[in-house]
């Protein structure tokens, strides 16, 4: 018997019972990757995870600070 797996598109909002709401970052027949609002990135086996559709909008993420480069760090050490 052929099993049918529901795939969600990248960017879809979903809910999962243990982690709550999140956004699909990638999904294929094998793995589904979700960036959860409060639990970070998690990878699931697609045919084993139970997801529900969510209408809850994604929270605003704080702006990230630029990464320090080795050249800037070295310049500070010499100064």
N, C-alpha and C. Protein backbone atom coordinates (compact mmCIF):
# COMPACT_ATOMS: atom_id res chain seq x y z
N UNK A 1 0.84 -1.18 0.00
CA UNK A 1 0.00 0.00 0.00
C UNK A 1 0.89 1.25 0.00
N UNK A 2 0.58 2.17 -0.83
CA UNK A 2 1.32 3.41 -0.96
C UNK A 2 0.80 4.42 0.05
N UNK A 3 1.71 4.98 0.87
CA UNK A 3 1.27 5.99 1.85
C UNK A 3 1.40 7.38 1.24
N UNK A 4 0.47 8.22 1.58
CA UNK A 4 0.47 9.59 1.08
C UNK A 4 0.92 10.50 2.21
N UNK A 5 1.94 11.29 1.95
CA UNK A 5 2.48 12.22 2.94
C UNK A 5 2.14 13.63 2.51
N UNK A 6 1.58 14.40 3.44
CA UNK A 6 1.25 15.79 3.12
C UNK A 6 2.50 16.64 3.29
N UNK A 7 2.93 17.28 2.21
CA UNK A 7 4.08 18.16 2.25
C UNK A 7 3.61 19.60 2.36
N UNK A 8 4.30 20.36 3.17
CA UNK A 8 4.00 21.78 3.31
C UNK A 8 5.04 22.56 2.52
N UNK A 9 4.64 23.67 1.96
CA UNK A 9 5.54 24.50 1.17
C UNK A 9 6.40 25.38 2.09
N UNK A 10 7.56 25.74 1.60
CA UNK A 10 8.45 26.64 2.33
C UNK A 10 7.69 27.93 2.65
N UNK A 11 7.79 28.36 3.91
CA UNK A 11 7.14 29.58 4.34
C UNK A 11 5.79 29.37 5.00
N UNK A 12 5.21 28.15 4.87
CA UNK A 12 3.93 27.87 5.51
C UNK A 12 4.08 27.89 7.03
N UNK A 13 3.07 28.40 7.70
CA UNK A 13 3.03 28.39 9.17
C UNK A 13 2.32 27.12 9.62
N UNK A 14 2.93 26.42 10.58
CA UNK A 14 2.37 25.16 11.09
C UNK A 14 2.45 25.13 12.61
N UNK A 15 1.75 24.16 13.21
CA UNK A 15 1.88 23.90 14.63
C UNK A 15 2.24 22.44 14.82
N UNK A 16 3.00 22.18 15.87
CA UNK A 16 3.40 20.82 16.23
C UNK A 16 3.17 20.70 17.73
N UNK A 17 2.70 19.55 18.19
CA UNK A 17 2.25 19.41 19.58
C UNK A 17 3.33 19.70 20.63
N UNK A 18 4.57 19.35 20.39
CA UNK A 18 5.63 19.57 21.39
C UNK A 18 6.27 20.95 21.32
N UNK A 19 6.36 21.53 20.12
CA UNK A 19 7.11 22.78 19.94
C UNK A 19 6.26 24.00 19.63
N UNK A 20 4.99 23.82 19.34
CA UNK A 20 4.13 24.97 19.07
C UNK A 20 4.20 25.42 17.63
N UNK A 21 4.10 26.72 17.42
CA UNK A 21 4.04 27.30 16.08
C UNK A 21 5.43 27.50 15.49
N UNK A 22 5.50 27.35 14.16
CA UNK A 22 6.76 27.56 13.47
C UNK A 22 6.53 27.77 11.98
N UNK A 23 7.62 28.00 11.28
CA UNK A 23 7.59 28.25 9.83
C UNK A 23 8.41 27.17 9.13
N UNK A 24 7.84 26.57 8.09
CA UNK A 24 8.55 25.55 7.30
C UNK A 24 9.70 26.23 6.57
N UNK A 25 10.92 25.71 6.75
CA UNK A 25 12.06 26.24 6.00
C UNK A 25 12.40 25.35 4.82
N UNK A 26 12.10 24.04 4.92
CA UNK A 26 12.22 23.13 3.78
C UNK A 26 11.44 21.86 4.07
N UNK A 27 11.00 21.21 3.02
CA UNK A 27 10.22 19.99 3.17
C UNK A 27 10.34 19.15 1.91
N UNK A 28 10.63 17.86 2.09
CA UNK A 28 10.62 16.93 0.98
C UNK A 28 10.07 15.59 1.49
N UNK A 29 10.18 14.54 0.69
CA UNK A 29 9.62 13.24 1.06
C UNK A 29 10.29 12.65 2.31
N UNK A 30 11.51 13.05 2.60
CA UNK A 30 12.26 12.47 3.72
C UNK A 30 12.25 13.33 4.97
N UNK A 31 12.54 14.61 4.82
CA UNK A 31 12.69 15.47 6.00
C UNK A 31 11.89 16.75 5.87
N UNK A 32 11.43 17.25 7.01
CA UNK A 32 10.77 18.54 7.10
C UNK A 32 11.53 19.36 8.14
N UNK A 33 11.96 20.54 7.75
CA UNK A 33 12.71 21.42 8.65
C UNK A 33 11.81 22.60 9.01
N UNK A 34 11.69 22.83 10.33
CA UNK A 34 10.82 23.90 10.82
C UNK A 34 11.61 24.80 11.75
N UNK A 35 11.46 26.11 11.57
CA UNK A 35 12.03 27.11 12.47
C UNK A 35 10.90 27.51 13.41
N UNK A 36 10.97 27.00 14.66
CA UNK A 36 9.92 27.28 15.63
C UNK A 36 10.12 28.64 16.27
N UNK A 37 9.01 29.26 16.67
CA UNK A 37 9.03 30.60 17.23
C UNK A 37 9.85 30.66 18.52
N UNK A 38 9.75 29.63 19.35
CA UNK A 38 10.40 29.67 20.66
C UNK A 38 11.37 28.52 20.91
N UNK A 39 11.58 27.65 19.92
CA UNK A 39 12.43 26.48 20.13
C UNK A 39 13.50 26.31 19.07
N UNK A 40 13.65 27.27 18.18
CA UNK A 40 14.69 27.18 17.16
C UNK A 40 14.37 26.21 16.04
N UNK A 41 15.41 25.80 15.33
CA UNK A 41 15.27 24.95 14.14
C UNK A 41 15.24 23.49 14.57
N UNK A 42 14.28 22.73 14.01
CA UNK A 42 14.15 21.31 14.28
C UNK A 42 13.94 20.57 12.96
N UNK A 43 14.51 19.36 12.86
CA UNK A 43 14.37 18.54 11.67
C UNK A 43 13.55 17.30 12.03
N UNK A 44 12.54 17.00 11.22
CA UNK A 44 11.66 15.86 11.45
C UNK A 44 11.68 14.93 10.25
N UNK A 45 11.44 13.64 10.49
CA UNK A 45 11.19 12.70 9.41
C UNK A 45 9.77 13.00 8.93
N UNK A 46 9.62 13.32 7.67
CA UNK A 46 8.36 13.83 7.13
C UNK A 46 7.18 12.91 7.40
N UNK A 47 7.34 11.61 7.18
CA UNK A 47 6.18 10.73 7.34
C UNK A 47 5.89 10.36 8.79
N UNK A 48 6.69 10.88 9.74
CA UNK A 48 6.46 10.59 11.15
C UNK A 48 5.97 11.79 11.96
N UNK A 49 6.05 12.99 11.40
CA UNK A 49 5.66 14.19 12.13
C UNK A 49 4.20 14.53 11.83
N UNK A 50 3.51 14.96 12.89
CA UNK A 50 2.12 15.40 12.74
C UNK A 50 2.08 16.91 12.88
N UNK A 51 1.65 17.56 11.82
CA UNK A 51 1.60 19.02 11.79
C UNK A 51 0.19 19.49 11.49
N UNK A 52 -0.13 20.65 12.01
CA UNK A 52 -1.39 21.30 11.69
C UNK A 52 -1.10 22.66 11.08
N UNK A 53 -2.01 23.13 10.26
CA UNK A 53 -1.86 24.45 9.65
C UNK A 53 -2.12 25.51 10.71
N UNK A 54 -1.35 26.59 10.68
CA UNK A 54 -1.51 27.67 11.65
C UNK A 54 -1.76 28.98 10.92
N UNK A 55 -2.67 29.77 11.47
CA UNK A 55 -2.93 31.11 10.93
C UNK A 55 -2.22 32.18 11.75
N UNK A 56 -1.53 31.75 12.80
CA UNK A 56 -0.81 32.69 13.67
C UNK A 56 0.40 33.25 12.91
N UNK A 57 0.52 34.57 12.85
CA UNK A 57 1.66 35.15 12.12
C UNK A 57 2.97 34.91 12.86
N UNK A 58 4.05 34.88 12.11
CA UNK A 58 5.38 34.71 12.70
C UNK A 58 5.73 35.95 13.52
N UNK A 59 6.38 35.76 14.67
CA UNK A 59 6.78 36.92 15.46
C UNK A 59 7.91 37.68 14.79
N UNK A 60 8.01 38.96 15.10
CA UNK A 60 9.12 39.75 14.58
C UNK A 60 10.40 39.28 15.26
N UNK A 61 11.42 39.06 14.45
CA UNK A 61 12.71 38.64 15.00
C UNK A 61 13.57 39.89 15.18
N UNK A 62 14.32 39.96 16.29
CA UNK A 62 15.19 41.13 16.48
C UNK A 62 16.26 41.18 15.40
N UNK A 63 16.67 42.39 15.06
CA UNK A 63 17.70 42.57 14.04
C UNK A 63 19.01 41.96 14.55
N UNK A 64 19.70 41.26 13.67
CA UNK A 64 20.96 40.64 14.05
C UNK A 64 22.10 41.64 13.93
N UNK A 65 23.03 41.56 14.86
CA UNK A 65 24.21 42.40 14.79
C UNK A 65 25.16 41.81 13.76
N UNK A 66 25.90 42.65 13.06
CA UNK A 66 26.87 42.12 12.09
C UNK A 66 27.94 41.30 12.80
N UNK A 67 28.40 40.27 12.13
CA UNK A 67 29.44 39.42 12.71
C UNK A 67 30.77 40.14 12.73
N UNK A 68 31.53 39.87 13.75
CA UNK A 68 32.88 40.43 13.81
C UNK A 68 33.79 39.59 12.94
N UNK A 69 34.64 40.26 12.17
CA UNK A 69 35.57 39.52 11.33
C UNK A 69 36.91 39.43 12.03
N UNK A 70 37.70 38.50 11.61
CA UNK A 70 39.02 38.30 12.21
C UNK A 70 39.90 39.55 12.04
N UNK A 71 39.76 40.24 10.90
CA UNK A 71 40.56 41.43 10.64
C UNK A 71 40.21 42.55 11.64
N UNK A 72 38.94 42.73 11.93
CA UNK A 72 38.53 43.77 12.89
C UNK A 72 39.01 43.41 14.28
N UNK A 73 38.90 42.14 14.64
CA UNK A 73 39.34 41.69 15.97
C UNK A 73 40.85 41.87 16.11
N UNK A 74 41.61 41.53 15.08
CA UNK A 74 43.06 41.67 15.11
C UNK A 74 43.46 43.14 15.22
N UNK A 75 42.74 44.02 14.54
CA UNK A 75 43.03 45.45 14.59
C UNK A 75 42.82 45.99 16.00
N UNK A 76 41.80 45.50 16.69
CA UNK A 76 41.55 45.95 18.06
C UNK A 76 42.65 45.45 19.00
N UNK A 77 43.14 44.25 18.77
CA UNK A 77 44.18 43.69 19.62
C UNK A 77 45.48 44.49 19.47
N UNK A 78 45.82 44.93 18.26
CA UNK A 78 47.05 45.69 18.01
C UNK A 78 46.97 47.09 18.59
N UNK A 79 45.77 47.64 18.68
CA UNK A 79 45.59 49.02 19.13
C UNK A 79 45.82 49.20 20.60
